[in-house]
N, C-alpha and C. Protein backbone atom coordinates (compact mmCIF):
# COMPACT_ATOMS: atom_id res chain seq x y z
N MET A 1 53.25 -61.29 110.42
CA MET A 1 53.00 -62.60 108.92
C MET A 1 53.34 -61.90 108.48
N PRO A 2 54.40 -62.51 107.41
CA PRO A 2 54.40 -62.05 105.76
C PRO A 2 53.30 -62.34 105.31
N ILE A 3 53.43 -61.12 104.36
CA ILE A 3 51.96 -61.09 103.55
C ILE A 3 51.59 -61.92 102.13
N LEU A 4 52.90 -63.30 102.13
CA LEU A 4 52.41 -64.63 101.48
C LEU A 4 51.43 -65.20 102.54
N TYR A 5 51.78 -65.58 103.64
CA TYR A 5 50.85 -66.17 104.14
C TYR A 5 49.59 -66.04 104.66
N TYR A 6 49.12 -64.74 104.10
CA TYR A 6 47.86 -64.52 104.45
C TYR A 6 47.48 -64.63 102.80
N PHE A 7 47.79 -64.39 101.95
CA PHE A 7 47.27 -64.80 100.29
C PHE A 7 47.40 -66.17 100.53
N VAL A 8 48.33 -67.00 100.77
CA VAL A 8 48.13 -68.67 100.58
C VAL A 8 46.69 -68.81 101.49
N ILE A 9 46.59 -68.57 102.61
CA ILE A 9 45.55 -68.81 103.68
C ILE A 9 44.44 -68.09 102.57
N TRP A 10 44.10 -67.23 102.14
CA TRP A 10 43.39 -66.36 101.23
C TRP A 10 42.95 -67.39 99.88
N VAL A 11 43.64 -68.43 99.84
CA VAL A 11 43.54 -69.16 97.98
C VAL A 11 42.36 -70.31 98.33
N VAL A 12 43.52 -70.76 99.39
CA VAL A 12 43.01 -71.83 100.41
C VAL A 12 41.42 -72.18 101.10
N LEU A 13 41.25 -70.98 101.84
CA LEU A 13 40.26 -70.71 102.54
C LEU A 13 38.59 -70.43 101.23
N THR A 14 38.81 -69.86 100.16
CA THR A 14 38.06 -69.61 98.94
C THR A 14 37.69 -70.87 98.45
N PHE A 15 39.20 -71.58 98.29
CA PHE A 15 38.59 -72.86 97.37
C PHE A 15 37.78 -73.59 98.55
N CYS A 16 38.29 -73.40 99.70
CA CYS A 16 37.34 -74.55 100.73
C CYS A 16 35.71 -74.34 100.81
N GLN A 17 35.38 -72.82 100.62
CA GLN A 17 34.25 -72.14 100.77
C GLN A 17 33.44 -72.15 99.71
N VAL A 18 34.07 -72.57 98.40
CA VAL A 18 33.16 -72.76 97.44
C VAL A 18 33.45 -74.30 97.10
N VAL A 19 34.56 -74.70 96.82
CA VAL A 19 34.13 -76.13 96.63
C VAL A 19 33.47 -77.57 97.61
N VAL A 20 34.29 -77.14 98.70
CA VAL A 20 34.22 -77.91 99.90
C VAL A 20 32.84 -78.08 100.52
N VAL A 21 32.93 -76.81 100.81
CA VAL A 21 31.63 -76.19 101.99
C VAL A 21 30.17 -77.21 101.80
N PRO A 22 30.22 -76.73 100.16
CA PRO A 22 28.36 -77.24 99.44
C PRO A 22 28.83 -78.78 99.56
N ARG A 23 29.78 -80.07 99.39
CA ARG A 23 29.63 -81.14 100.34
C ARG A 23 29.43 -81.65 101.49
N LEU A 24 29.44 -80.23 102.70
CA LEU A 24 29.57 -80.32 103.81
C LEU A 24 27.97 -80.19 103.93
N THR A 25 27.21 -79.91 102.98
CA THR A 25 25.79 -79.67 103.54
C THR A 25 24.90 -80.81 104.18
N VAL A 26 24.33 -80.58 105.64
CA VAL A 26 23.22 -81.78 106.36
C VAL A 26 22.12 -81.29 106.25
N LEU A 27 21.14 -81.82 105.16
CA LEU A 27 19.98 -81.58 105.27
C LEU A 27 19.95 -79.65 105.20
N GLY A 28 20.55 -79.24 104.34
CA GLY A 28 20.35 -77.86 103.71
C GLY A 28 21.47 -77.13 104.69
N ILE A 29 21.51 -77.45 105.76
CA ILE A 29 22.68 -76.33 106.77
C ILE A 29 24.24 -77.10 106.43
N TYR A 30 24.66 -75.60 106.68
CA TYR A 30 26.69 -75.91 105.82
C TYR A 30 27.11 -75.17 106.74
N PRO A 31 28.38 -75.30 106.77
CA PRO A 31 29.12 -74.40 107.62
C PRO A 31 29.98 -73.43 106.70
N ASP A 32 29.81 -72.09 107.82
CA ASP A 32 30.78 -71.19 107.19
C ASP A 32 32.17 -70.73 107.82
N ILE A 33 32.61 -71.71 107.09
CA ILE A 33 34.37 -71.86 107.56
C ILE A 33 35.01 -70.42 106.82
N LEU A 34 34.50 -69.56 106.31
CA LEU A 34 35.24 -68.15 105.87
C LEU A 34 34.87 -67.17 107.18
N LEU A 35 33.92 -67.24 107.85
CA LEU A 35 33.16 -66.60 108.58
C LEU A 35 34.13 -66.48 110.18
N ALA A 36 33.80 -68.03 110.05
CA ALA A 36 35.26 -68.58 111.18
C ALA A 36 36.08 -67.87 111.36
N ALA A 37 36.94 -68.14 110.06
CA ALA A 37 38.77 -67.57 109.91
C ALA A 37 38.07 -66.22 110.20
N VAL A 38 37.54 -65.36 109.32
CA VAL A 38 37.62 -63.75 109.74
C VAL A 38 37.92 -63.59 111.15
N VAL A 39 36.66 -64.56 111.73
CA VAL A 39 36.44 -64.21 113.42
C VAL A 39 37.50 -64.33 114.42
N LEU A 40 38.20 -65.83 113.71
CA LEU A 40 39.13 -65.90 114.74
C LEU A 40 40.81 -65.28 114.48
N THR A 41 40.51 -64.67 113.15
CA THR A 41 41.80 -64.06 112.82
C THR A 41 41.58 -62.75 113.40
N GLY A 42 40.35 -62.17 113.19
CA GLY A 42 40.12 -60.78 113.91
C GLY A 42 40.83 -61.17 115.60
N LEU A 43 40.10 -62.09 115.95
CA LEU A 43 40.55 -62.43 117.62
C LEU A 43 41.72 -62.27 117.88
N ARG A 44 42.59 -63.06 116.69
CA ARG A 44 44.09 -63.09 117.73
C ARG A 44 44.99 -62.00 117.13
N LYS A 45 44.57 -61.53 115.26
CA LYS A 45 45.33 -60.41 115.28
C LYS A 45 44.87 -58.69 115.32
N GLY A 46 43.52 -58.77 115.48
CA GLY A 46 43.18 -57.32 115.62
C GLY A 46 42.18 -56.46 114.86
N ARG A 47 41.36 -55.84 115.05
CA ARG A 47 40.44 -55.42 113.73
C ARG A 47 40.87 -54.96 112.14
N LEU A 48 41.85 -54.21 112.32
CA LEU A 48 42.58 -53.85 110.51
C LEU A 48 42.66 -55.16 110.16
N VAL A 49 43.51 -56.42 110.91
CA VAL A 49 43.86 -57.33 110.04
C VAL A 49 42.68 -57.80 109.90
N GLY A 50 41.52 -58.08 111.01
CA GLY A 50 40.20 -58.83 110.40
C GLY A 50 39.89 -58.47 109.23
N LEU A 51 39.45 -56.65 109.67
CA LEU A 51 38.55 -55.80 108.62
C LEU A 51 39.35 -56.21 107.48
N TRP A 52 40.43 -56.19 106.85
CA TRP A 52 40.80 -56.36 105.69
C TRP A 52 41.25 -57.93 104.98
N PHE A 53 41.37 -58.60 105.72
CA PHE A 53 40.86 -59.83 105.78
C PHE A 53 39.93 -60.59 105.46
N GLY A 54 38.56 -60.06 106.14
CA GLY A 54 36.93 -60.56 105.91
C GLY A 54 37.12 -60.00 104.27
N PHE A 55 37.45 -58.07 104.23
CA PHE A 55 37.14 -58.52 102.70
C PHE A 55 37.68 -58.75 101.41
N ALA A 56 38.97 -59.32 101.85
CA ALA A 56 39.77 -60.07 100.43
C ALA A 56 39.24 -61.33 100.54
N LEU A 57 38.59 -62.14 102.01
CA LEU A 57 37.77 -63.33 101.10
C LEU A 57 36.55 -63.13 101.09
N ALA A 58 35.65 -62.02 101.24
CA ALA A 58 34.53 -62.26 101.30
C ALA A 58 34.23 -61.26 99.78
N ILE A 59 35.25 -60.59 99.32
CA ILE A 59 34.82 -60.17 97.80
C ILE A 59 35.08 -61.41 96.95
N SER A 60 35.92 -62.19 97.17
CA SER A 60 36.82 -63.16 96.49
C SER A 60 35.13 -64.50 96.00
N VAL A 61 34.20 -64.56 97.31
CA VAL A 61 33.23 -65.19 97.66
C VAL A 61 32.16 -64.61 96.96
N ASP A 62 31.98 -63.37 96.69
CA ASP A 62 30.53 -62.92 97.10
C ASP A 62 30.91 -61.88 95.48
N LEU A 63 31.69 -62.21 94.74
CA LEU A 63 31.61 -62.19 92.97
C LEU A 63 31.03 -63.11 92.12
N LEU A 64 31.22 -64.40 92.98
CA LEU A 64 30.58 -65.48 92.20
C LEU A 64 28.57 -65.38 92.47
N ASP A 65 28.24 -64.44 93.25
CA ASP A 65 27.01 -64.74 93.35
C ASP A 65 26.74 -62.70 93.24
N PRO A 66 26.42 -62.15 92.01
CA PRO A 66 26.33 -60.78 91.70
C PRO A 66 25.29 -60.88 92.39
N GLY A 67 23.89 -61.46 92.28
CA GLY A 67 23.03 -60.74 92.65
C GLY A 67 23.03 -60.09 94.07
N ARG A 68 23.58 -60.50 94.84
CA ARG A 68 23.68 -60.46 96.38
C ARG A 68 25.10 -59.34 96.51
N LEU A 69 26.03 -59.12 95.36
CA LEU A 69 27.17 -58.70 95.18
C LEU A 69 26.92 -57.27 96.33
N GLY A 70 27.97 -57.50 97.41
CA GLY A 70 28.38 -56.56 98.70
C GLY A 70 27.87 -56.84 99.93
N TRP A 71 26.63 -57.45 100.20
CA TRP A 71 25.93 -57.72 101.40
C TRP A 71 26.77 -58.43 102.20
N MET A 72 27.31 -59.55 101.46
CA MET A 72 28.42 -60.74 102.57
C MET A 72 30.02 -59.65 102.44
N THR A 73 30.11 -58.73 101.64
CA THR A 73 31.65 -58.08 102.03
C THR A 73 31.49 -57.21 102.91
N LEU A 74 30.27 -56.70 103.09
CA LEU A 74 30.18 -55.90 103.88
C LEU A 74 29.79 -56.20 105.60
N LEU A 75 29.55 -56.97 105.28
CA LEU A 75 29.15 -58.13 106.44
C LEU A 75 30.45 -58.60 107.52
N VAL A 76 30.91 -59.59 106.43
CA VAL A 76 32.00 -60.33 106.46
C VAL A 76 33.11 -59.08 107.37
N SER A 77 33.41 -57.92 106.71
CA SER A 77 34.49 -57.09 106.92
C SER A 77 33.82 -56.55 108.56
N LEU A 78 32.61 -55.95 108.49
CA LEU A 78 32.25 -55.34 109.82
C LEU A 78 32.35 -56.83 110.92
N THR A 79 32.44 -57.63 110.84
CA THR A 79 32.46 -59.02 111.38
C THR A 79 34.13 -59.03 111.66
N GLY A 80 34.70 -59.22 110.86
CA GLY A 80 35.97 -59.32 111.43
C GLY A 80 36.72 -57.82 112.09
N TYR A 81 36.03 -56.85 111.93
CA TYR A 81 36.29 -55.45 112.41
C TYR A 81 36.24 -55.73 113.98
N ALA A 82 34.51 -56.00 114.08
CA ALA A 82 34.12 -56.84 115.27
C ALA A 82 35.22 -57.51 116.38
N ALA A 83 35.14 -58.32 115.63
CA ALA A 83 36.27 -59.32 116.79
C ALA A 83 37.14 -58.79 116.92
N GLY A 84 38.03 -57.94 115.70
CA GLY A 84 39.07 -56.63 116.40
C GLY A 84 38.86 -55.97 117.72
N VAL A 85 37.73 -55.51 117.51
CA VAL A 85 37.52 -54.52 118.75
C VAL A 85 36.76 -55.57 120.19
N ILE A 86 36.43 -56.82 120.16
CA ILE A 86 36.32 -57.70 120.86
C ILE A 86 37.55 -58.23 121.66
N ARG A 87 38.60 -58.11 120.60
CA ARG A 87 39.71 -58.43 121.54
C ARG A 87 40.88 -57.87 121.88
N GLU A 88 40.41 -56.24 121.82
CA GLU A 88 40.65 -55.23 122.36
C GLU A 88 40.33 -54.90 123.41
N THR A 89 39.13 -54.85 124.05
CA THR A 89 38.13 -54.93 124.86
C THR A 89 38.19 -56.50 125.67
N LEU A 90 37.46 -57.32 125.61
CA LEU A 90 37.51 -58.33 126.21
C LEU A 90 38.50 -59.39 126.13
N TYR A 91 38.86 -59.94 125.45
CA TYR A 91 39.56 -60.70 124.62
C TYR A 91 39.88 -61.87 125.98
N ILE A 92 39.65 -62.71 125.86
CA ILE A 92 40.12 -63.91 127.34
C ILE A 92 41.04 -64.71 125.79
N GLU A 93 42.19 -65.40 126.34
CA GLU A 93 43.22 -66.60 125.55
C GLU A 93 42.74 -68.10 125.93
N ASN A 94 41.03 -68.14 124.99
CA ASN A 94 40.82 -69.34 125.56
C ASN A 94 39.85 -70.15 124.67
N PRO A 95 40.32 -70.89 124.58
CA PRO A 95 39.64 -72.06 122.86
C PRO A 95 38.15 -72.08 123.02
N TRP A 96 37.59 -71.83 124.19
CA TRP A 96 36.19 -71.81 124.60
C TRP A 96 35.48 -70.33 123.38
N PHE A 97 36.42 -69.23 124.48
CA PHE A 97 35.97 -68.22 124.19
C PHE A 97 35.99 -67.43 122.69
N GLU A 98 37.16 -68.03 122.16
CA GLU A 98 37.57 -68.08 120.66
C GLU A 98 36.15 -68.51 120.07
N VAL A 99 35.43 -69.77 120.33
CA VAL A 99 34.66 -70.78 119.42
C VAL A 99 33.69 -70.42 119.77
N THR A 100 33.11 -69.68 121.45
CA THR A 100 32.11 -69.18 121.69
C THR A 100 31.52 -68.11 120.56
N MET A 101 32.83 -67.04 120.37
CA MET A 101 32.84 -65.97 119.47
C MET A 101 32.33 -65.95 118.11
N VAL A 102 32.96 -67.33 117.45
CA VAL A 102 32.53 -67.76 116.24
C VAL A 102 31.42 -67.99 115.84
N PHE A 103 30.63 -68.70 116.85
CA PHE A 103 28.54 -69.26 117.38
C PHE A 103 28.46 -67.76 117.12
N ILE A 104 28.66 -67.12 118.34
CA ILE A 104 27.70 -65.86 118.21
C ILE A 104 27.61 -64.62 116.84
N ALA A 105 29.25 -64.68 116.30
CA ALA A 105 29.50 -64.13 115.45
C ALA A 105 28.78 -64.71 113.70
N ALA A 106 28.26 -66.07 113.68
CA ALA A 106 27.72 -67.05 112.52
C ALA A 106 25.90 -66.72 113.20
N TRP A 107 25.38 -66.73 113.87
CA TRP A 107 24.35 -66.49 114.14
C TRP A 107 24.29 -65.26 113.85
N ILE A 108 24.53 -64.52 114.54
CA ILE A 108 24.16 -62.62 114.27
C ILE A 108 24.16 -62.43 112.82
N TYR A 109 25.36 -63.48 111.98
CA TYR A 109 26.34 -62.67 110.94
C TYR A 109 24.30 -63.12 109.89
N HIS A 110 24.37 -64.75 109.87
CA HIS A 110 22.78 -65.02 109.02
C HIS A 110 22.43 -64.75 109.55
N ILE A 111 21.68 -64.01 110.49
CA ILE A 111 20.28 -63.10 110.43
C ILE A 111 20.54 -62.35 109.80
N LEU A 112 21.50 -61.08 109.99
CA LEU A 112 21.32 -60.06 109.02
C LEU A 112 21.44 -60.38 107.84
N TYR A 113 22.04 -61.72 107.48
CA TYR A 113 22.08 -61.98 105.61
C TYR A 113 21.17 -61.69 105.35
N ARG A 114 20.39 -62.75 105.73
CA ARG A 114 19.03 -62.50 105.19
C ARG A 114 18.11 -61.76 105.39
N PHE A 115 18.16 -60.97 106.33
CA PHE A 115 17.13 -60.20 106.55
C PHE A 115 17.46 -59.05 105.84
N LEU A 116 18.80 -58.46 105.82
CA LEU A 116 18.86 -57.10 104.95
C LEU A 116 18.84 -56.76 103.42
N PRO A 117 18.59 -58.18 102.92
CA PRO A 117 18.27 -57.66 101.63
C PRO A 117 16.83 -57.91 101.00
N GLU A 118 15.88 -58.84 101.90
CA GLU A 118 14.91 -59.31 101.78
C GLU A 118 14.30 -59.13 103.21
N PRO A 119 13.87 -58.39 103.48
CA PRO A 119 13.13 -58.66 104.63
C PRO A 119 11.31 -59.13 105.20
N GLN A 120 11.18 -59.64 103.90
CA GLN A 120 9.81 -60.02 103.92
C GLN A 120 9.68 -61.40 104.04
N LEU A 121 11.19 -61.93 103.57
CA LEU A 121 11.30 -63.46 103.86
C LEU A 121 11.35 -63.44 105.37
N PHE A 122 11.40 -62.96 106.59
CA PHE A 122 11.57 -62.79 107.49
C PHE A 122 9.74 -62.74 108.09
N MET A 123 9.04 -62.19 107.85
CA MET A 123 7.91 -62.12 107.53
C MET A 123 6.93 -63.39 107.56
N GLY A 124 7.22 -64.12 107.08
CA GLY A 124 6.24 -65.50 106.97
C GLY A 124 7.03 -66.26 107.20
N ASN A 125 8.10 -66.51 107.36
CA ASN A 125 9.17 -67.76 108.30
C ASN A 125 10.00 -67.25 109.38
N PHE A 126 9.77 -66.02 110.38
CA PHE A 126 10.05 -65.93 110.99
C PHE A 126 11.00 -67.05 111.46
N PHE A 127 10.77 -68.16 112.56
CA PHE A 127 11.08 -69.48 113.32
C PHE A 127 12.34 -69.89 112.16
N GLY A 128 11.41 -70.08 111.27
CA GLY A 128 12.37 -71.06 110.61
C GLY A 128 13.67 -70.82 109.92
N MET A 129 13.60 -69.21 109.90
CA MET A 129 15.19 -68.26 109.16
C MET A 129 15.87 -68.42 110.48
N LEU A 130 15.26 -68.20 112.04
CA LEU A 130 16.05 -67.82 113.32
C LEU A 130 16.45 -69.27 113.33
N ALA A 131 15.82 -70.13 112.95
CA ALA A 131 16.35 -72.04 113.44
C ALA A 131 17.26 -72.14 112.57
N ASP A 132 17.18 -71.69 111.09
CA ASP A 132 18.14 -71.45 109.91
C ASP A 132 19.66 -71.28 110.43
N SER A 133 19.05 -69.94 110.55
CA SER A 133 20.68 -69.19 111.49
C SER A 133 21.31 -70.16 112.09
N PHE A 134 20.45 -70.48 113.38
CA PHE A 134 21.22 -70.89 114.35
C PHE A 134 22.25 -72.21 114.31
N PHE A 135 21.13 -73.17 113.23
CA PHE A 135 21.97 -74.53 113.29
C PHE A 135 23.18 -74.38 112.54
N ILE A 136 23.17 -73.29 111.18
CA ILE A 136 24.30 -72.88 110.41
C ILE A 136 25.36 -72.30 111.67
N ALA A 137 25.18 -71.70 112.80
CA ALA A 137 25.90 -71.41 113.53
C ALA A 137 26.64 -72.92 114.51
N VAL A 138 25.28 -73.15 114.93
CA VAL A 138 25.77 -74.38 115.39
C VAL A 138 27.05 -75.59 115.10
N TYR A 139 27.01 -75.86 113.44
CA TYR A 139 27.71 -76.54 112.58
C TYR A 139 28.99 -75.45 113.05
N THR A 140 29.09 -74.28 112.60
CA THR A 140 30.04 -73.41 112.45
C THR A 140 31.04 -73.70 113.65
N PHE A 141 30.24 -73.82 114.74
CA PHE A 141 31.20 -73.19 115.56
C PHE A 141 31.42 -74.94 116.44
N ALA A 142 30.62 -76.29 115.74
CA ALA A 142 31.58 -77.30 115.84
C ALA A 142 32.81 -77.74 114.88
N ILE A 143 32.88 -77.05 113.40
CA ILE A 143 33.94 -77.13 112.76
C ILE A 143 35.35 -76.04 113.30
N ALA A 144 34.69 -74.94 113.52
CA ALA A 144 35.43 -74.09 114.23
C ALA A 144 36.35 -74.81 115.30
N GLY A 145 35.13 -75.49 116.11
CA GLY A 145 35.71 -75.96 117.63
C GLY A 145 37.07 -77.02 117.12
N ILE A 146 36.71 -77.80 116.11
CA ILE A 146 37.64 -78.68 115.68
C ILE A 146 38.92 -78.27 115.12
N VAL A 147 39.26 -77.24 114.53
CA VAL A 147 40.53 -76.43 114.18
C VAL A 147 40.84 -75.56 115.19
N VAL A 148 40.14 -75.32 115.67
CA VAL A 148 41.04 -74.58 116.92
C VAL A 148 41.39 -75.71 117.93
N TRP A 149 40.94 -76.93 118.33
CA TRP A 149 41.41 -78.30 118.57
C TRP A 149 42.73 -78.66 118.40
N LEU A 150 42.54 -78.86 117.19
CA LEU A 150 44.03 -79.06 116.96
C LEU A 150 45.32 -78.24 116.17
N ILE A 151 44.78 -77.19 116.45
CA ILE A 151 45.69 -76.28 116.07
C ILE A 151 46.62 -76.13 117.66
N ARG A 152 45.26 -75.80 118.59
CA ARG A 152 46.11 -75.92 119.97
C ARG A 152 46.72 -77.22 120.67
N GLN A 153 46.65 -78.49 119.79
CA GLN A 153 47.18 -79.72 120.13
C GLN A 153 48.15 -79.79 118.79
N LYS A 154 48.71 -79.01 117.85
CA LYS A 154 49.77 -79.36 117.10
C LYS A 154 50.92 -79.91 117.57
N TYR A 155 51.60 -79.54 118.53
CA TYR A 155 53.03 -79.83 119.05
C TYR A 155 52.80 -81.31 119.54
N ARG A 156 51.40 -81.64 120.17
CA ARG A 156 51.55 -83.14 120.59
C ARG A 156 51.04 -84.09 119.40
N LEU A 157 50.27 -83.46 118.73
CA LEU A 157 50.19 -84.31 117.46
C LEU A 157 51.32 -84.13 116.57
N ARG A 158 52.40 -83.46 116.76
CA ARG A 158 53.27 -83.38 115.55
C ARG A 158 54.46 -84.78 116.43
N ASP A 159 54.64 -84.85 117.78
CA ASP A 159 55.57 -85.84 118.52
C ASP A 159 54.74 -86.93 118.15
N LEU A 160 53.28 -87.07 118.18
CA LEU A 160 52.64 -88.11 118.07
C LEU A 160 53.23 -89.19 116.96
N VAL A 161 53.60 -88.29 115.89
CA VAL A 161 53.93 -88.41 114.66
C VAL A 161 54.88 -88.84 114.26
């Protein structure tokens, strides 16, 4: 893929994560489309593309919150790398597998993202933090499932139009 393609995707995903996602919030739960895109890219293109794509996306969003600068970049980059490793070891060409990996990665990512900088938040409300992370992962799973389904159906949809 040309570098221009990744640049356009980077700009669109950063815009969506910063501008659109806050408007999709339901009871304080939001989808993490940036993480879903990094996991899907890592699963389809490999670990190095997942790592660098995750780094570029995360640093562009992470610069907006200087208080936690670095945590998101580190975790999203490692998530992209891990998705690439999964691609090389046990990847199955199946949309359910891809979306399930998005769910698992989102849940683990949000637990770590909340726990590592401030572990004391978990001590007072452990089950609440797990539940919030779970619901964010479910919402991300739903959005990623719709996107993966639309991508898989693009030829059928094109013929209908």
